[in-house]
């Protein structure tokens, strides 16, 4: 699976960039809440992590092709 970069823009004006993103999922849970989840490599921490974001807080995102 290809590793990609991901940028998320939040509704509060902040943004976050994630490197080596894998297993990206953007869907709606059974409770009706939309979310995105993925694993990524933390550049500053040098640790691989799993992240989950509730879509209500996200203005937009860009995933590397």
PDB file of N, CA and C in Angstrom:
ATOM      1  N   UNK A   1       0.843  -1.185   0.000  1.00  0.00           N
ATOM      2  CA  UNK A   1       0.000   0.000   0.000  1.00  0.00           C
ATOM      3  C   UNK A   1       0.889   1.250   0.000  1.00  0.00           C
ATOM      4  N   UNK A   2       0.518   2.211  -0.811  1.00  0.00           N
ATOM      5  CA  UNK A   2       1.292   3.447  -0.927  1.00  0.00           C
ATOM      6  C   UNK A   2       1.102   4.341   0.297  1.00  0.00           C
ATOM      7  N   UNK A   3       2.202   4.911   0.764  1.00  0.00           N
ATOM      8  CA  UNK A   3       2.130   5.881   1.856  1.00  0.00           C
ATOM      9  C   UNK A   3       1.938   7.266   1.258  1.00  0.00           C
ATOM     10  N   UNK A   4       1.045   8.040   1.857  1.00  0.00           N
ATOM     11  CA  UNK A   4       0.681   9.348   1.331  1.00  0.00           C
ATOM     12  C   UNK A   4       0.794  10.401   2.426  1.00  0.00           C
ATOM     13  N   UNK A   5       0.843  11.662   2.017  1.00  0.00           N
ATOM     14  CA  UNK A   5       0.732  12.750   2.986  1.00  0.00           C
ATOM     15  C   UNK A   5      -0.722  13.207   3.009  1.00  0.00           C
ATOM     16  N   UNK A   6      -1.131  13.778   4.154  1.00  0.00           N
ATOM     17  CA  UNK A   6      -2.507  14.220   4.354  1.00  0.00           C
ATOM     18  C   UNK A   6      -2.487  15.554   5.078  1.00  0.00           C
ATOM     19  N   UNK A   7      -3.254  16.526   4.573  1.00  0.00           N
ATOM     20  CA  UNK A   7      -3.427  17.804   5.244  1.00  0.00           C
ATOM     21  C   UNK A   7      -4.903  17.923   5.608  1.00  0.00           C
ATOM     22  N   UNK A   8      -5.176  18.294   6.880  1.00  0.00           N
ATOM     23  CA  UNK A   8      -6.542  18.500   7.338  1.00  0.00           C
ATOM     24  C   UNK A   8      -6.675  19.954   7.773  1.00  0.00           C
ATOM     25  N   UNK A   9      -7.703  20.635   7.265  1.00  0.00           N
ATOM     26  CA  UNK A   9      -8.029  22.000   7.699  1.00  0.00           C
ATOM     27  C   UNK A   9      -9.238  21.907   8.612  1.00  0.00           C
ATOM     28  N   UNK A  10      -9.106  22.486   9.798  1.00  0.00           N
ATOM     29  CA  UNK A  10     -10.181  22.447  10.784  1.00  0.00           C
ATOM     30  C   UNK A  10     -11.031  23.707  10.708  1.00  0.00           C
ATOM     31  N   UNK A  11     -12.255  23.619  11.167  1.00  0.00           N
ATOM     32  CA  UNK A  11     -13.183  24.746  11.121  1.00  0.00           C
ATOM     33  C   UNK A  11     -12.701  25.930  11.952  1.00  0.00           C
ATOM     34  N   UNK A  12     -11.848  25.694  12.946  1.00  0.00           N
ATOM     35  CA  UNK A  12     -11.338  26.788  13.781  1.00  0.00           C
ATOM     36  C   UNK A  12     -10.168  27.526  13.119  1.00  0.00           C
ATOM     37  N   UNK A  13      -9.796  27.133  11.885  1.00  0.00           N
ATOM     38  CA  UNK A  13      -8.725  27.804  11.155  1.00  0.00           C
ATOM     39  C   UNK A  13      -7.377  27.127  11.251  1.00  0.00           C
ATOM     40  N   UNK A  14      -7.216  26.155  12.133  1.00  0.00           N
ATOM     41  CA  UNK A  14      -5.950  25.424  12.246  1.00  0.00           C
ATOM     42  C   UNK A  14      -5.847  24.373  11.154  1.00  0.00           C
ATOM     43  N   UNK A  15      -4.636  23.900  10.937  1.00  0.00           N
ATOM     44  CA  UNK A  15      -4.385  22.837   9.973  1.00  0.00           C
ATOM     45  C   UNK A  15      -3.372  21.871  10.566  1.00  0.00           C
ATOM     46  N   UNK A  16      -3.400  20.637  10.084  1.00  0.00           N
ATOM     47  CA  UNK A  16      -2.446  19.624  10.525  1.00  0.00           C
ATOM     48  C   UNK A  16      -1.993  18.833   9.311  1.00  0.00           C
ATOM     49  N   UNK A  17      -0.699  18.487   9.278  1.00  0.00           N
ATOM     50  CA  UNK A  17      -0.154  17.686   8.193  1.00  0.00           C
ATOM     51  C   UNK A  17       0.349  16.366   8.762  1.00  0.00           C
ATOM     52  N   UNK A  18       0.026  15.287   8.081  1.00  0.00           N
ATOM     53  CA  UNK A  18       0.415  13.951   8.501  1.00  0.00           C
ATOM     54  C   UNK A  18       1.220  13.300   7.383  1.00  0.00           C
ATOM     55  N   UNK A  19       2.270  12.593   7.754  1.00  0.00           N
ATOM     56  CA  UNK A  19       3.154  11.930   6.795  1.00  0.00           C
ATOM     57  C   UNK A  19       2.993  10.421   6.878  1.00  0.00           C
ATOM     58  N   UNK A  20       3.308   9.765   5.797  1.00  0.00           N
ATOM     59  CA  UNK A  20       3.277   8.302   5.702  1.00  0.00           C
ATOM     60  C   UNK A  20       1.918   7.751   6.138  1.00  0.00           C
ATOM     61  N   UNK A  21       0.863   8.370   5.612  1.00  0.00           N
ATOM     62  CA  UNK A  21      -0.508   7.980   5.938  1.00  0.00           C
ATOM     63  C   UNK A  21      -0.843   6.677   5.216  1.00  0.00           C
ATOM     64  N   UNK A  22      -1.445   5.764   5.977  1.00  0.00           N
ATOM     65  CA  UNK A  22      -1.905   4.486   5.431  1.00  0.00           C
ATOM     66  C   UNK A  22      -3.284   4.187   6.001  1.00  0.00           C
ATOM     67  N   UNK A  23      -4.000   3.279   5.347  1.00  0.00           N
ATOM     68  CA  UNK A  23      -5.303   2.792   5.835  1.00  0.00           C
ATOM     69  C   UNK A  23      -6.301   3.926   6.059  1.00  0.00           C
ATOM     70  N   UNK A  24      -6.331   4.893   5.140  1.00  0.00           N
ATOM     71  CA  UNK A  24      -7.243   6.036   5.261  1.00  0.00           C
ATOM     72  C   UNK A  24      -8.682   5.586   5.051  1.00  0.00           C
ATOM     73  N   UNK A  25      -9.561   5.963   5.987  1.00  0.00           N
ATOM     74  CA  UNK A  25     -10.988   5.639   5.912  1.00  0.00           C
ATOM     75  C   UNK A  25     -11.764   6.921   6.184  1.00  0.00           C
ATOM     76  N   UNK A  26     -12.735   7.225   5.326  1.00  0.00           N
ATOM     77  CA  UNK A  26     -13.605   8.384   5.491  1.00  0.00           C
ATOM     78  C   UNK A  26     -15.030   7.873   5.333  1.00  0.00           C
ATOM     79  N   UNK A  27     -15.754   7.694   6.458  1.00  0.00           N
ATOM     80  CA  UNK A  27     -17.079   7.087   6.374  1.00  0.00           C
ATOM     81  C   UNK A  27     -17.977   7.535   7.517  1.00  0.00           C
ATOM     82  N   UNK A  28     -19.186   7.013   7.521  1.00  0.00           N
ATOM     83  CA  UNK A  28     -20.168   7.331   8.550  1.00  0.00           C
ATOM     84  C   UNK A  28     -20.383   6.112   9.428  1.00  0.00           C
ATOM     85  N   UNK A  29     -20.317   6.315  10.733  1.00  0.00           N
ATOM     86  CA  UNK A  29     -20.514   5.233  11.697  1.00  0.00           C
ATOM     87  C   UNK A  29     -21.999   4.908  11.835  1.00  0.00           C
ATOM     88  N   UNK A  30     -22.304   3.821  12.510  1.00  0.00           N
ATOM     89  CA  UNK A  30     -23.699   3.397  12.687  1.00  0.00           C
ATOM     90  C   UNK A  30     -24.518   4.405  13.490  1.00  0.00           C
ATOM     91  N   UNK A  31     -23.844   5.270  14.261  1.00  0.00           N
ATOM     92  CA  UNK A  31     -24.557   6.301  15.025  1.00  0.00           C
ATOM     93  C   UNK A  31     -24.839   7.553  14.197  1.00  0.00           C
ATOM     94  N   UNK A  32     -24.457   7.537  12.907  1.00  0.00           N
ATOM     95  CA  UNK A  32     -24.714   8.658  12.014  1.00  0.00           C
ATOM     96  C   UNK A  32     -23.615   9.710  11.983  1.00  0.00           C
ATOM     97  N   UNK A  33     -22.590   9.554  12.806  1.00  0.00           N
ATOM     98  CA  UNK A  33     -21.470  10.512  12.840  1.00  0.00           C
ATOM     99  C   UNK A  33     -20.440  10.152  11.771  1.00  0.00           C
ATOM    100  N   UNK A  34     -20.079  11.136  10.963  1.00  0.00           N
ATOM    101  CA  UNK A  34     -19.036  10.936   9.957  1.00  0.00           C
ATOM    102  C   UNK A  34     -17.674  11.111  10.632  1.00  0.00           C
ATOM    103  N   UNK A  35     -16.712  10.319  10.206  1.00  0.00           N
ATOM    104  CA  UNK A  35     -15.368  10.392  10.764  1.00  0.00           C
ATOM    105  C   UNK A  35     -14.345   9.969   9.718  1.00  0.00           C
ATOM    106  N   UNK A  36     -13.087  10.263  10.000  1.00  0.00           N
ATOM    107  CA  UNK A  36     -11.995   9.731   9.195  1.00  0.00           C
ATOM    108  C   UNK A  36     -10.976   9.130  10.149  1.00  0.00           C
ATOM    109  N   UNK A  37     -10.365   8.041   9.722  1.00  0.00           N
ATOM    110  CA  UNK A  37      -9.334   7.407  10.524  1.00  0.00           C
ATOM    111  C   UNK A  37      -8.195   6.981   9.612  1.00  0.00           C
ATOM    112  N   UNK A  38      -7.008   6.884  10.182  1.00  0.00           N
ATOM    113  CA  UNK A  38      -5.824   6.502   9.420  1.00  0.00           C
ATOM    114  C   UNK A  38      -4.676   6.259  10.381  1.00  0.00           C
ATOM    115  N   UNK A  39      -3.647   5.582   9.884  1.00  0.00           N
ATOM    116  CA  UNK A  39      -2.400   5.473  10.634  1.00  0.00           C
ATOM    117  C   UNK A  39      -1.388   6.389   9.956  1.00  0.00           C
ATOM    118  N   UNK A  40      -0.420   6.884  10.727  1.00  0.00           N
ATOM    119  CA  UNK A  40       0.583   7.805  10.201  1.00  0.00           C
ATOM    120  C   UNK A  40       1.857   7.712  11.031  1.00  0.00           C
ATOM    121  N   UNK A  41       2.918   8.256  10.492  1.00  0.00           N
ATOM    122  CA  UNK A  41       4.197   8.305  11.191  1.00  0.00           C
ATOM    123  C   UNK A  41       4.416   9.717  11.700  1.00  0.00           C
ATOM    124  N   UNK A  42       4.556   9.870  13.015  1.00  0.00           N
ATOM    125  CA  UNK A  42       4.799  11.180  13.618  1.00  0.00           C
ATOM    126  C   UNK A  42       6.243  11.593  13.416  1.00  0.00           C
ATOM    127  N   UNK A  43       6.466  12.607  12.602  1.00  0.00           N
ATOM    128  CA  UNK A  43       7.822  13.047  12.279  1.00  0.00           C
ATOM    129  C   UNK A  43       8.557  13.523  13.530  1.00  0.00           C
ATOM    130  N   UNK A  44       7.895  14.318  14.361  1.00  0.00           N
ATOM    131  CA  UNK A  44       8.575  14.861  15.548  1.00  0.00           C
ATOM    132  C   UNK A  44       8.765  13.814  16.638  1.00  0.00           C
ATOM    133  N   UNK A  45       7.847  12.851  16.738  1.00  0.00           N
ATOM    134  CA  UNK A  45       7.930  11.832  17.791  1.00  0.00           C
ATOM    135  C   UNK A  45       8.612  10.549  17.342  1.00  0.00           C
ATOM    136  N   UNK A  46       8.707  10.364  16.006  1.00  0.00           N
ATOM    137  CA  UNK A  46       9.289   9.150  15.428  1.00  0.00           C
ATOM    138  C   UNK A  46       8.512   7.896  15.852  1.00  0.00           C
ATOM    139  N   UNK A  47       7.183   8.046  15.970  1.00  0.00           N
ATOM    140  CA  UNK A  47       6.312   6.953  16.397  1.00  0.00           C
ATOM    141  C   UNK A  47       5.163   6.806  15.400  1.00  0.00           C
ATOM    142  N   UNK A  48       4.807   5.569  15.085  1.00  0.00           N
ATOM    143  CA  UNK A  48       3.647   5.313  14.243  1.00  0.00           C
ATOM    144  C   UNK A  48       2.403   5.339  15.122  1.00  0.00           C
ATOM    145  N   UNK A  49       1.350   6.031  14.671  1.00  0.00           N
ATOM    146  CA  UNK A  49       0.124   6.194  15.466  1.00  0.00           C
ATOM    147  C   UNK A  49      -1.110   5.947  14.609  1.00  0.00           C
ATOM    148  N   UNK A  50      -2.224   5.729  15.292  1.00  0.00           N
ATOM    149  CA  UNK A  50      -3.542   5.630  14.668  1.00  0.00           C
ATOM    150  C   UNK A  50      -4.320   6.873  15.072  1.00  0.00           C
ATOM    151  N   UNK A  51      -4.997   7.527  14.133  1.00  0.00           N
ATOM    152  CA  UNK A  51      -5.755   8.744  14.422  1.00  0.00           C
ATOM    153  C   UNK A  51      -7.199   8.582  13.972  1.00  0.00           C
ATOM    154  N   UNK A  52      -8.112   9.220  14.712  1.00  0.00           N
ATOM    155  CA  UNK A  52      -9.526   9.270  14.346  1.00  0.00           C
ATOM    156  C   UNK A  52     -10.000  10.703  14.553  1.00  0.00           C
ATOM    157  N   UNK A  53     -10.666  11.272  13.552  1.00  0.00           N
ATOM    158  CA  UNK A  53     -11.195  12.628  13.627  1.00  0.00           C
ATOM    159  C   UNK A  53     -12.685  12.606  13.309  1.00  0.00           C
ATOM    160  N   UNK A  54     -13.475  13.359  14.072  1.00  0.00           N
ATOM    161  CA  UNK A  54     -14.899  13.522  13.801  1.00  0.00           C
ATOM    162  C   UNK A  54     -15.042  14.569  12.701  1.00  0.00           C
ATOM    163  N   UNK A  55     -15.783  14.254  11.674  1.00  0.00           N
ATOM    164  CA  UNK A  55     -15.898  15.134  10.509  1.00  0.00           C
ATOM    165  C   UNK A  55     -16.542  16.476  10.835  1.00  0.00           C
ATOM    166  N   UNK A  56     -17.328  16.565  11.908  1.00  0.00           N
ATOM    167  CA  UNK A  56     -17.960  17.827  12.293  1.00  0.00           C
ATOM    168  C   UNK A  56     -16.939  18.938  12.516  1.00  0.00           C
ATOM    169  N   UNK A  57     -15.715  18.578  12.877  1.00  0.00           N
ATOM    170  CA  UNK A  57     -14.673  19.546  13.184  1.00  0.00           C
ATOM    171  C   UNK A  57     -13.790  19.903  11.985  1.00  0.00           C
ATOM    172  N   UNK A  58     -14.019  19.265  10.853  1.00  0.00           N
ATOM    173  CA  UNK A  58     -13.137  19.395   9.699  1.00  0.00           C
ATOM    174  C   UNK A  58     -13.782  20.242   8.604  1.00  0.00           C
ATOM    175  N   UNK A  59     -13.031  21.225   8.125  1.00  0.00           N
ATOM    176  CA  UNK A  59     -13.490  22.068   7.014  1.00  0.00           C
ATOM    177  C   UNK A  59     -13.155  21.423   5.672  1.00  0.00           C
ATOM    178  N   UNK A  60     -12.016  20.716   5.619  1.00  0.00           N
ATOM    179  CA  UNK A  60     -11.600  20.059   4.386  1.00  0.00           C
ATOM    180  C   UNK A  60     -10.315  19.290   4.589  1.00  0.00           C
ATOM    181  N   UNK A  61      -9.953  18.499   3.580  1.00  0.00           N
ATOM    182  CA  UNK A  61      -8.699  17.755   3.663  1.00  0.00           C
ATOM    183  C   UNK A  61      -8.177  17.476   2.258  1.00  0.00           C
ATOM    184  N   UNK A  62      -6.873  17.219   2.184  1.00  0.00           N
ATOM    185  CA  UNK A  62      -6.236  16.876   0.916  1.00  0.00           C
ATOM    186  C   UNK A  62      -5.348  15.664   1.163  1.00  0.00           C
ATOM    187  N   UNK A  63      -5.592  14.605   0.420  1.00  0.00           N
ATOM    188  CA  UNK A  63      -4.824  13.383   0.521  1.00  0.00           C
ATOM    189  C   UNK A  63      -4.001  13.229  -0.757  1.00  0.00           C
ATOM    190  N   UNK A  64      -2.706  13.028  -0.589  1.00  0.00           N
ATOM    191  CA  UNK A  64      -1.805  12.882  -1.744  1.00  0.00           C
ATOM    192  C   UNK A  64      -2.276  11.733  -2.635  1.00  0.00           C
ATOM    193  N   UNK A  65      -2.213  11.941  -3.932  1.00  0.00           N
ATOM    194  CA  UNK A  65      -2.630  10.892  -4.879  1.00  0.00           C
ATOM    195  C   UNK A  65      -1.562   9.849  -5.040  1.00  0.00           C
TER     196      UNK A  65
END
